Amino acid sequence: AADPERPALGDACPIERAITLLGRRSTVLLLREA
């Protein structure tokens, strides 16, 4: 992960996987209400 020449992390990154699922305003508002 520290290699400055590394490619994009893509699916290896848990933040990217989470934001792909949770990144919509509507998603977060519905989860807040739940």
Full PDB file with SEQRES, HELIX, SHEET, SSBOND, CRYST1, ORIGX, SCALE, CONECT and MASTER records, all heavy atoms in Angstrom:
SEQRES   1 A   34  ALA ALA ASP PRO GLU ARG PRO ALA LEU GLY ASP ALA CYS          
SEQRES   2 A   34  PRO ILE GLU ARG ALA ILE THR LEU LEU GLY ARG ARG SER          
SEQRES   3 A   34  THR VAL LEU LEU LEU ARG GLU ALA                              
HELIX    1 AA1 GLY A   10  ALA A   12  5                                   3    
HELIX    2 AA2 PRO A   14  LEU A   22  1                                   9    
HELIX    3 AA3 ARG A   25  GLU A   33  1                                   9    
CRYST1    1.000    1.000    1.000  90.00  90.00  90.00 P 1           1          
ORIGX1      1.000000  0.000000  0.000000        0.00000                         
ORIGX2      0.000000  1.000000  0.000000        0.00000                         
ORIGX3      0.000000  0.000000  1.000000        0.00000                         
SCALE1      1.000000  0.000000  0.000000        0.00000                         
SCALE2      0.000000  1.000000  0.000000        0.00000                         
SCALE3      0.000000  0.000000  1.000000        0.00000                         
ATOM      1  N   ALA A   1       0.820  -1.216   0.000  1.00  0.00           N  
ATOM      2  CA  ALA A   1       0.000   0.000   0.000  1.00  0.00           C  
ATOM      3  C   ALA A   1       0.848   1.258   0.000  1.00  0.00           C  
ATOM      4  O   ALA A   1       0.422   2.304  -0.486  1.00  0.00           O  
ATOM      5  CB  ALA A   1      -0.947   0.003   1.201  1.00  0.00           C  
ATOM      6  N   ALA A   2       2.084   1.184   0.526  1.00  0.00           N  
ATOM      7  CA  ALA A   2       2.956   2.354   0.612  1.00  0.00           C  
ATOM      8  C   ALA A   2       3.736   2.606  -0.675  1.00  0.00           C  
ATOM      9  O   ALA A   2       4.335   3.665  -0.833  1.00  0.00           O  
ATOM     10  CB  ALA A   2       3.937   2.175   1.774  1.00  0.00           C  
ATOM     11  N   ASP A   3       3.740   1.666  -1.588  1.00  0.00           N  
ATOM     12  CA  ASP A   3       4.495   1.814  -2.837  1.00  0.00           C  
ATOM     13  C   ASP A   3       3.921   2.965  -3.659  1.00  0.00           C  
ATOM     14  O   ASP A   3       2.757   2.915  -4.064  1.00  0.00           O  
ATOM     15  CB  ASP A   3       4.420   0.504  -3.630  1.00  0.00           C  
ATOM     16  CG  ASP A   3       5.201   0.546  -4.934  1.00  0.00           C  
ATOM     17  OD1 ASP A   3       5.691   1.631  -5.320  1.00  0.00           O  
ATOM     18  OD2 ASP A   3       5.312  -0.510  -5.568  1.00  0.00           O  
ATOM     19  N   PRO A   4       4.705   4.027  -3.909  1.00  0.00           N  
ATOM     20  CA  PRO A   4       4.176   5.173  -4.650  1.00  0.00           C  
ATOM     21  C   PRO A   4       3.800   4.828  -6.096  1.00  0.00           C  
ATOM     22  O   PRO A   4       3.043   5.549  -6.730  1.00  0.00           O  
ATOM     23  CB  PRO A   4       5.305   6.206  -4.597  1.00  0.00           C  
ATOM     24  CG  PRO A   4       6.527   5.454  -4.236  1.00  0.00           C  
ATOM     25  CD  PRO A   4       6.103   4.224  -3.509  1.00  0.00           C  
ATOM     26  N   GLU A   5       4.278   3.718  -6.610  1.00  0.00           N  
ATOM     27  CA  GLU A   5       3.988   3.290  -7.979  1.00  0.00           C  
ATOM     28  C   GLU A   5       2.838   2.287  -8.056  1.00  0.00           C  
ATOM     29  O   GLU A   5       2.510   1.797  -9.123  1.00  0.00           O  
ATOM     30  CB  GLU A   5       5.244   2.669  -8.606  1.00  0.00           C  
ATOM     31  CG  GLU A   5       6.431   3.614  -8.676  1.00  0.00           C  
ATOM     32  CD  GLU A   5       6.146   4.836  -9.539  1.00  0.00           C  
ATOM     33  OE1 GLU A   5       5.543   4.691 -10.611  1.00  0.00           O  
ATOM     34  OE2 GLU A   5       6.516   5.953  -9.109  1.00  0.00           O  
ATOM     35  N   ARG A   6       2.225   1.981  -6.913  1.00  0.00           N  
ATOM     36  CA  ARG A   6       1.170   0.972  -6.908  1.00  0.00           C  
ATOM     37  C   ARG A   6      -0.035   1.459  -7.705  1.00  0.00           C  
ATOM     38  O   ARG A   6      -0.299   2.652  -7.783  1.00  0.00           O  
ATOM     39  CB  ARG A   6       0.758   0.614  -5.488  1.00  0.00           C  
ATOM     40  CG  ARG A   6      -0.056   1.692  -4.808  1.00  0.00           C  
ATOM     41  CD  ARG A   6      -0.786   1.166  -3.587  1.00  0.00           C  
ATOM     42  NE  ARG A   6      -1.191   2.231  -2.717  1.00  0.00           N  
ATOM     43  CZ  ARG A   6      -2.209   3.056  -2.970  1.00  0.00           C  
ATOM     44  NH1 ARG A   6      -2.911   2.933  -4.053  1.00  0.00           N  
ATOM     45  NH2 ARG A   6      -2.514   4.015  -2.125  1.00  0.00           N  
ATOM     46  N   PRO A   7      -0.761   0.525  -8.286  1.00  0.00           N  
ATOM     47  CA  PRO A   7      -1.992   0.904  -8.987  1.00  0.00           C  
ATOM     48  C   PRO A   7      -3.079   1.264  -7.977  1.00  0.00           C  
ATOM     49  O   PRO A   7      -2.909   1.072  -6.769  1.00  0.00           O  
ATOM     50  CB  PRO A   7      -2.357  -0.355  -9.772  1.00  0.00           C  
ATOM     51  CG  PRO A   7      -1.724  -1.472  -9.003  1.00  0.00           C  
ATOM     52  CD  PRO A   7      -0.487  -0.897  -8.361  1.00  0.00           C  
ATOM     53  N   ALA A   8      -4.191   1.735  -8.490  1.00  0.00           N  
ATOM     54  CA  ALA A   8      -5.329   2.035  -7.617  1.00  0.00           C  
ATOM     55  C   ALA A   8      -5.714   0.790  -6.833  1.00  0.00           C  
ATOM     56  O   ALA A   8      -5.633  -0.327  -7.338  1.00  0.00           O  
ATOM     57  CB  ALA A   8      -6.514   2.514  -8.449  1.00  0.00           C  
ATOM     58  N   LEU A   9      -6.120   0.996  -5.587  1.00  0.00           N  
ATOM     59  CA  LEU A   9      -6.474  -0.139  -4.737  1.00  0.00           C  
ATOM     60  C   LEU A   9      -7.763  -0.829  -5.190  1.00  0.00           C  
ATOM     61  O   LEU A   9      -7.932  -2.027  -5.012  1.00  0.00           O  
ATOM     62  CB  LEU A   9      -6.613   0.307  -3.288  1.00  0.00           C  
ATOM     63  CG  LEU A   9      -5.326   0.749  -2.598  1.00  0.00           C  
ATOM     64  CD1 LEU A   9      -5.643   1.328  -1.230  1.00  0.00           C  
ATOM     65  CD2 LEU A   9      -4.360  -0.408  -2.480  1.00  0.00           C  
ATOM     66  N   GLY A  10      -8.689  -0.065  -5.739  1.00  0.00           N  
ATOM     67  CA  GLY A  10      -9.940  -0.646  -6.218  1.00  0.00           C  
ATOM     68  C   GLY A  10     -10.652  -1.438  -5.137  1.00  0.00           C  
ATOM     69  O   GLY A  10     -10.743  -1.009  -3.986  1.00  0.00           O  
ATOM     70  N   ASP A  11     -11.123  -2.634  -5.474  1.00  0.00           N  
ATOM     71  CA  ASP A  11     -11.870  -3.472  -4.543  1.00  0.00           C  
ATOM     72  C   ASP A  11     -11.048  -3.936  -3.346  1.00  0.00           C  
ATOM     73  O   ASP A  11     -11.612  -4.400  -2.357  1.00  0.00           O  
ATOM     74  CB  ASP A  11     -12.434  -4.703  -5.255  1.00  0.00           C  
ATOM     75  CG  ASP A  11     -13.787  -4.430  -5.878  1.00  0.00           C  
ATOM     76  OD1 ASP A  11     -14.339  -3.347  -5.624  1.00  0.00           O  
ATOM     77  OD2 ASP A  11     -14.290  -5.306  -6.595  1.00  0.00           O  
ATOM     78  N   ALA A  12      -9.719  -3.831  -3.432  1.00  0.00           N  
ATOM     79  CA  ALA A  12      -8.894  -4.220  -2.282  1.00  0.00           C  
ATOM     80  C   ALA A  12      -9.083  -3.243  -1.129  1.00  0.00           C  
ATOM     81  O   ALA A  12      -8.833  -3.580   0.022  1.00  0.00           O  
ATOM     82  CB  ALA A  12      -7.416  -4.278  -2.674  1.00  0.00           C  
ATOM     83  N   CYS A  13      -9.564  -2.043  -1.426  1.00  0.00           N  
ATOM     84  CA  CYS A  13      -9.732  -1.009  -0.402  1.00  0.00           C  
ATOM     85  C   CYS A  13     -11.110  -1.131   0.257  1.00  0.00           C  
ATOM     86  O   CYS A  13     -12.136  -0.969  -0.409  1.00  0.00           O  
ATOM     87  CB  CYS A  13      -9.575   0.375  -1.020  1.00  0.00           C  
ATOM     88  SG  CYS A  13      -9.866   1.701   0.161  1.00  0.00           S  
ATOM     89  N   PRO A  14     -11.151  -1.371   1.571  1.00  0.00           N  
ATOM     90  CA  PRO A  14     -12.454  -1.484   2.237  1.00  0.00           C  
ATOM     91  C   PRO A  14     -13.234  -0.171   2.242  1.00  0.00           C  
ATOM     92  O   PRO A  14     -14.465  -0.190   2.266  1.00  0.00           O  
ATOM     93  CB  PRO A  14     -12.089  -1.930   3.661  1.00  0.00           C  
ATOM     94  CG  PRO A  14     -10.668  -1.533   3.841  1.00  0.00           C  
ATOM     95  CD  PRO A  14     -10.034  -1.576   2.482  1.00  0.00           C  
ATOM     96  N   ILE A  15     -12.534   0.961   2.184  1.00  0.00           N  
ATOM     97  CA  ILE A  15     -13.236   2.252   2.121  1.00  0.00           C  
ATOM     98  C   ILE A  15     -13.955   2.369   0.785  1.00  0.00           C  
ATOM     99  O   ILE A  15     -15.107   2.800   0.724  1.00  0.00           O  
ATOM    100  CB  ILE A  15     -12.262   3.425   2.351  1.00  0.00           C  
ATOM    101  CG1 ILE A  15     -11.710   3.370   3.775  1.00  0.00           C  
ATOM    102  CG2 ILE A  15     -12.953   4.765   2.074  1.00  0.00           C  
ATOM    103  CD1 ILE A  15     -10.591   4.356   4.050  1.00  0.00           C  
ATOM    104  N   GLU A  16     -13.294   1.979  -0.280  1.00  0.00           N  
ATOM    105  CA  GLU A  16     -13.937   2.037  -1.598  1.00  0.00           C  
ATOM    106  C   GLU A  16     -15.138   1.110  -1.668  1.00  0.00           C  
ATOM    107  O   GLU A  16     -16.188   1.467  -2.197  1.00  0.00           O  
ATOM    108  CB  GLU A  16     -12.934   1.704  -2.701  1.00  0.00           C  
ATOM    109  CG  GLU A  16     -13.521   1.897  -4.083  1.00  0.00           C  
ATOM    110  CD  GLU A  16     -12.500   1.910  -5.193  1.00  0.00           C  
ATOM    111  OE1 GLU A  16     -11.301   2.138  -4.922  1.00  0.00           O  
ATOM    112  OE2 GLU A  16     -12.905   1.691  -6.342  1.00  0.00           O  
ATOM    113  N   ARG A  17     -15.014  -0.103  -1.115  1.00  0.00           N  
ATOM    114  CA  ARG A  17     -16.149  -1.037  -1.112  1.00  0.00           C  
ATOM    115  C   ARG A  17     -17.314  -0.467  -0.306  1.00  0.00           C  
ATOM    116  O   ARG A  17     -18.475  -0.572  -0.705  1.00  0.00           O  
ATOM    117  CB  ARG A  17     -15.723  -2.396  -0.558  1.00  0.00           C  
ATOM    118  CG  ARG A  17     -14.805  -3.169  -1.492  1.00  0.00           C  
ATOM    119  CD  ARG A  17     -14.641  -4.627  -1.088  1.00  0.00           C  
ATOM    120  NE  ARG A  17     -14.305  -4.842   0.311  1.00  0.00           N  
ATOM    121  CZ  ARG A  17     -13.072  -4.836   0.826  1.00  0.00           C  
ATOM    122  NH1 ARG A  17     -12.034  -4.609   0.050  1.00  0.00           N  
ATOM    123  NH2 ARG A  17     -12.874  -5.068   2.102  1.00  0.00           N  
ATOM    124  N   ALA A  18     -17.005   0.154   0.829  1.00  0.00           N  
ATOM    125  CA  ALA A  18     -18.064   0.721   1.679  1.00  0.00           C  
ATOM    126  C   ALA A  18     -18.737   1.907   1.004  1.00  0.00           C  
ATOM    127  O   ALA A  18     -19.970   2.009   1.004  1.00  0.00           O  
ATOM    128  CB  ALA A  18     -17.497   1.120   3.037  1.00  0.00           C  
ATOM    129  N   ILE A  19     -17.948   2.809   0.414  1.00  0.00           N  
ATOM    130  CA  ILE A  19     -18.537   4.009  -0.179  1.00  0.00           C  
ATOM    131  C   ILE A  19     -19.332   3.654  -1.435  1.00  0.00           C  
ATOM    132  O   ILE A  19     -20.310   4.319  -1.756  1.00  0.00           O  
ATOM    133  CB  ILE A  19     -17.471   5.099  -0.445  1.00  0.00           C  
ATOM    134  CG1 ILE A  19     -18.128   6.483  -0.514  1.00  0.00           C  
ATOM    135  CG2 ILE A  19     -16.680   4.834  -1.693  1.00  0.00           C  
ATOM    136  CD1 ILE A  19     -18.682   6.983   0.769  1.00  0.00           C  
ATOM    137  N   THR A  20     -18.941   2.582  -2.113  1.00  0.00           N  
ATOM    138  CA  THR A  20     -19.722   2.115  -3.264  1.00  0.00           C  
ATOM    139  C   THR A  20     -21.124   1.725  -2.813  1.00  0.00           C  
ATOM    140  O   THR A  20     -22.112   2.000  -3.488  1.00  0.00           O  
ATOM    141  CB  THR A  20     -19.011   0.931  -3.955  1.00  0.00           C  
ATOM    142  OG1 THR A  20     -17.751   1.398  -4.453  1.00  0.00           O  
ATOM    143  CG2 THR A  20     -19.831   0.373  -5.102  1.00  0.00           C  
ATOM    144  N   LEU A  21     -21.226   1.118  -1.643  1.00  0.00           N  
ATOM    145  CA  LEU A  21     -22.519   0.714  -1.093  1.00  0.00           C  
ATOM    146  C   LEU A  21     -23.247   1.873  -0.414  1.00  0.00           C  
ATOM    147  O   LEU A  21     -24.454   2.040  -0.563  1.00  0.00           O  
ATOM    148  CB  LEU A  21     -22.313  -0.417  -0.082  1.00  0.00           C  
ATOM    149  CG  LEU A  21     -23.541  -0.897   0.692  1.00  0.00           C  
ATOM    150  CD1 LEU A  21     -24.606  -1.440  -0.256  1.00  0.00           C  
ATOM    151  CD2 LEU A  21     -23.138  -1.952   1.696  1.00  0.00           C  
ATOM    152  N   LEU A  22     -22.525   2.710   0.310  1.00  0.00           N  
ATOM    153  CA  LEU A  22     -23.152   3.699   1.189  1.00  0.00           C  
ATOM    154  C   LEU A  22     -23.094   5.134   0.675  1.00  0.00           C  
ATOM    155  O   LEU A  22     -23.598   6.031   1.336  1.00  0.00           O  
ATOM    156  CB  LEU A  22     -22.465   3.669   2.564  1.00  0.00           C  
ATOM    157  CG  LEU A  22     -22.448   2.325   3.268  1.00  0.00           C  
ATOM    158  CD1 LEU A  22     -21.573   2.395   4.503  1.00  0.00           C  
ATOM    159  CD2 LEU A  22     -23.853   1.889   3.610  1.00  0.00           C  
ATOM    160  N   GLY A  23     -22.492   5.379  -0.475  1.00  0.00           N  
ATOM    161  CA  GLY A  23     -22.166   6.731  -0.913  1.00  0.00           C  
ATOM    162  C   GLY A  23     -23.300   7.631  -1.356  1.00  0.00           C  
ATOM    163  O   GLY A  23     -23.058   8.771  -1.719  1.00  0.00           O  
ATOM    164  N   ARG A  24     -24.515   7.169  -1.334  1.00  0.00           N  
ATOM    165  CA  ARG A  24     -25.638   8.024  -1.729  1.00  0.00           C  
ATOM    166  C   ARG A  24     -26.245   8.704  -0.501  1.00  0.00           C  
ATOM    167  O   ARG A  24     -26.395   8.093   0.551  1.00  0.00           O  
ATOM    168  CB  ARG A  24     -26.731   7.190  -2.393  1.00  0.00           C  
ATOM    169  CG  ARG A  24     -26.310   6.533  -3.661  1.00  0.00           C  
ATOM    170  CD  ARG A  24     -27.480   5.759  -4.236  1.00  0.00           C  
ATOM    171  NE  ARG A  24     -27.029   4.978  -5.367  1.00  0.00           N  
ATOM    172  CZ  ARG A  24     -27.529   3.807  -5.693  1.00  0.00           C  
ATOM    173  NH1 ARG A  24     -28.497   3.267  -4.979  1.00  0.00           N  
ATOM    174  NH2 ARG A  24     -27.079   3.162  -6.729  1.00  0.00           N  
ATOM    175  N   ARG A  25     -26.645   9.943  -0.677  1.00  0.00           N  
ATOM    176  CA  ARG A  25     -27.317  10.676   0.398  1.00  0.00           C  
ATOM    177  C   ARG A  25     -28.546   9.912   0.872  1.00  0.00           C  
ATOM    178  O   ARG A  25     -28.778   9.755   2.078  1.00  0.00           O  
ATOM    179  CB  ARG A  25     -27.715  12.066  -0.108  1.00  0.00           C  
ATOM    180  CG  ARG A  25     -28.519  12.882   0.882  1.00  0.00           C  
ATOM    181  CD  ARG A  25     -28.890  14.253   0.278  1.00  0.00           C  
ATOM    182  NE  ARG A  25     -29.768  14.963   1.161  1.00  0.00           N  
ATOM    183  CZ  ARG A  25     -31.111  14.889   1.122  1.00  0.00           C  
ATOM    184  NH1 ARG A  25     -31.711  14.125   0.218  1.00  0.00           N  
ATOM    185  NH2 ARG A  25     -31.845  15.570   1.968  1.00  0.00           N  
ATOM    186  N   SER A  26     -29.337   9.397  -0.063  1.00  0.00           N  
ATOM    187  CA  SER A  26     -30.560   8.682   0.297  1.00  0.00           C  
ATOM    188  C   SER A  26     -30.255   7.446   1.139  1.00  0.00           C  
ATOM    189  O   SER A  26     -30.988   7.142   2.082  1.00  0.00           O  
ATOM    190  CB  SER A  26     -31.340   8.290  -0.962  1.00  0.00           C  
ATOM    191  OG  SER A  26     -30.534   7.550  -1.857  1.00  0.00           O  
ATOM    192  N   THR A  27     -29.179   6.750   0.838  1.00  0.00           N  
ATOM    193  CA  THR A  27     -28.799   5.560   1.603  1.00  0.00           C  
ATOM    194  C   THR A  27     -28.502   5.931   3.049  1.00  0.00           C  
ATOM    195  O   THR A  27     -29.000   5.295   3.978  1.00  0.00           O  
ATOM    196  CB  THR A  27     -27.559   4.893   0.969  1.00  0.00           C  
ATOM    197  OG1 THR A  27     -27.862   4.541  -0.381  1.00  0.00           O  
ATOM    198  CG2 THR A  27     -27.134   3.664   1.743  1.00  0.00           C  
ATOM    199  N   VAL A  28     -27.702   6.957   3.234  1.00  0.00           N  
ATOM    200  CA  VAL A  28     -27.308   7.361   4.588  1.00  0.00           C  
ATOM    201  C   VAL A  28     -28.517   7.865   5.371  1.00  0.00           C  
ATOM    202  O   VAL A  28     -28.677   7.543   6.548  1.00  0.00           O  
ATOM    203  CB  VAL A  28     -26.174   8.411   4.541  1.00  0.00           C  
ATOM    204  CG1 VAL A  28     -25.843   8.916   5.933  1.00  0.00           C  
ATOM    205  CG2 VAL A  28     -24.934   7.816   3.867  1.00  0.00           C  
ATOM    206  N   LEU A  29     -29.402   8.627   4.729  1.00  0.00           N  
ATOM    207  CA  LEU A  29     -30.592   9.119   5.431  1.00  0.00           C  
ATOM    208  C   LEU A  29     -31.512   7.976   5.852  1.00  0.00           C  
ATOM    209  O   LEU A  29     -32.043   7.976   6.971  1.00  0.00           O  
ATOM    210  CB  LEU A  29     -31.357  10.120   4.557  1.00  0.00           C  
ATOM    211  CG  LEU A  29     -30.638  11.430   4.269  1.00  0.00           C  
ATOM    212  CD1 LEU A  29     -31.494  12.312   3.358  1.00  0.00           C  
ATOM    213  CD2 LEU A  29     -30.269  12.159   5.545  1.00  0.00           C  
ATOM    214  N   LEU A  30     -31.691   6.982   5.003  1.00  0.00           N  
ATOM    215  CA  LEU A  30     -32.530   5.845   5.373  1.00  0.00           C  
ATOM    216  C   LEU A  30     -31.898   5.029   6.490  1.00  0.00           C  
ATOM    217  O   LEU A  30     -32.598   4.588   7.421  1.00  0.00           O  
ATOM    218  CB  LEU A  30     -32.809   4.971   4.149  1.00  0.00           C  
ATOM    219  CG  LEU A  30     -33.743   5.611   3.119  1.00  0.00           C  
ATOM    220  CD1 LEU A  30     -33.725   4.831   1.820  1.00  0.00           C  
ATOM    221  CD2 LEU A  30     -35.154   5.738   3.667  1.00  0.00           C  
ATOM    222  N   LEU A  31     -30.586   4.847   6.445  1.00  0.00           N  
ATOM    223  CA  LEU A  31     -29.908   4.133   7.534  1.00  0.00           C  
ATOM    224  C   LEU A  31     -29.984   4.923   8.834  1.00  0.00           C  
ATOM    225  O   LEU A  31     -30.169   4.346   9.899  1.00  0.00           O  
ATOM    226  CB  LEU A  31     -28.461   3.834   7.149  1.00  0.00           C  
ATOM    227  CG  LEU A  31     -28.295   2.768   6.069  1.00  0.00           C  
ATOM    228  CD1 LEU A  31     -26.865   2.741   5.581  1.00  0.00           C  
ATOM    229  CD2 LEU A  31     -28.737   1.403   6.586  1.00  0.00           C  
ATOM    230  N   ARG A  32     -29.850   6.243   8.748  1.00  0.00           N  
ATOM    231  CA  ARG A  32     -30.006   7.087   9.941  1.00  0.00           C  
ATOM    232  C   ARG A  32     -31.374   6.859  10.564  1.00  0.00           C  
ATOM    233  O   ARG A  32     -31.495   6.630  11.768  1.00  0.00           O  
ATOM    234  CB  ARG A  32     -29.845   8.565   9.564  1.00  0.00           C  
ATOM    235  CG  ARG A  32     -30.107   9.531  10.723  1.00  0.00           C  
ATOM    236  CD  ARG A  32     -30.382  10.944  10.255  1.00  0.00           C  
ATOM    237  NE  ARG A  32     -31.677  11.042   9.581  1.00  0.00           N  
ATOM    238  CZ  ARG A  32     -32.064  12.090   8.869  1.00  0.00           C  
ATOM    239  NH1 ARG A  32     -31.261  13.126   8.701  1.00  0.00           N  
ATOM    240  NH2 ARG A  32     -33.248  12.107   8.298  1.00  0.00           N  
ATOM    241  N   GLU A  33     -32.395   6.910   9.744  1.00  0.00           N  
ATOM    242  CA  GLU A  33     -33.754   6.741  10.269  1.00  0.00           C  
ATOM    243  C   GLU A  33     -33.978   5.342  10.826  1.00  0.00           C  
ATOM    244  O   GLU A  33     -34.634   5.186  11.853  1.00  0.00           O  
ATOM    245  CB  GLU A  33     -34.787   7.083   9.197  1.00  0.00           C  
ATOM    246  CG  GLU A  33     -34.902   8.570   8.945  1.00  0.00           C  
ATOM    247  CD  GLU A  33     -35.183   9.368  10.205  1.00  0.00           C  
ATOM    248  OE1 GLU A  33     -35.998   8.937  11.041  1.00  0.00           O  
ATOM    249  OE2 GLU A  33     -34.576  10.446  10.362  1.00  0.00           O  
ATOM    250  N   ALA A  34     -33.428   4.330  10.176  1.00  0.00           N  
ATOM    251  CA  ALA A  34     -33.550   2.971  10.711  1.00  0.00           C  
ATOM    252  C   ALA A  34     -32.857   2.882  12.066  1.00  0.00           C  
ATOM    253  O   ALA A  34     -33.369   2.243  12.991  1.00  0.00           O  
ATOM    254  CB  ALA A  34     -32.964   1.955   9.727  1.00  0.00           C  
TER     255      ALA A  34                                                      
MASTER        0    0    0    3    0    0    0    6  254    1    0    3          
END                                                                             
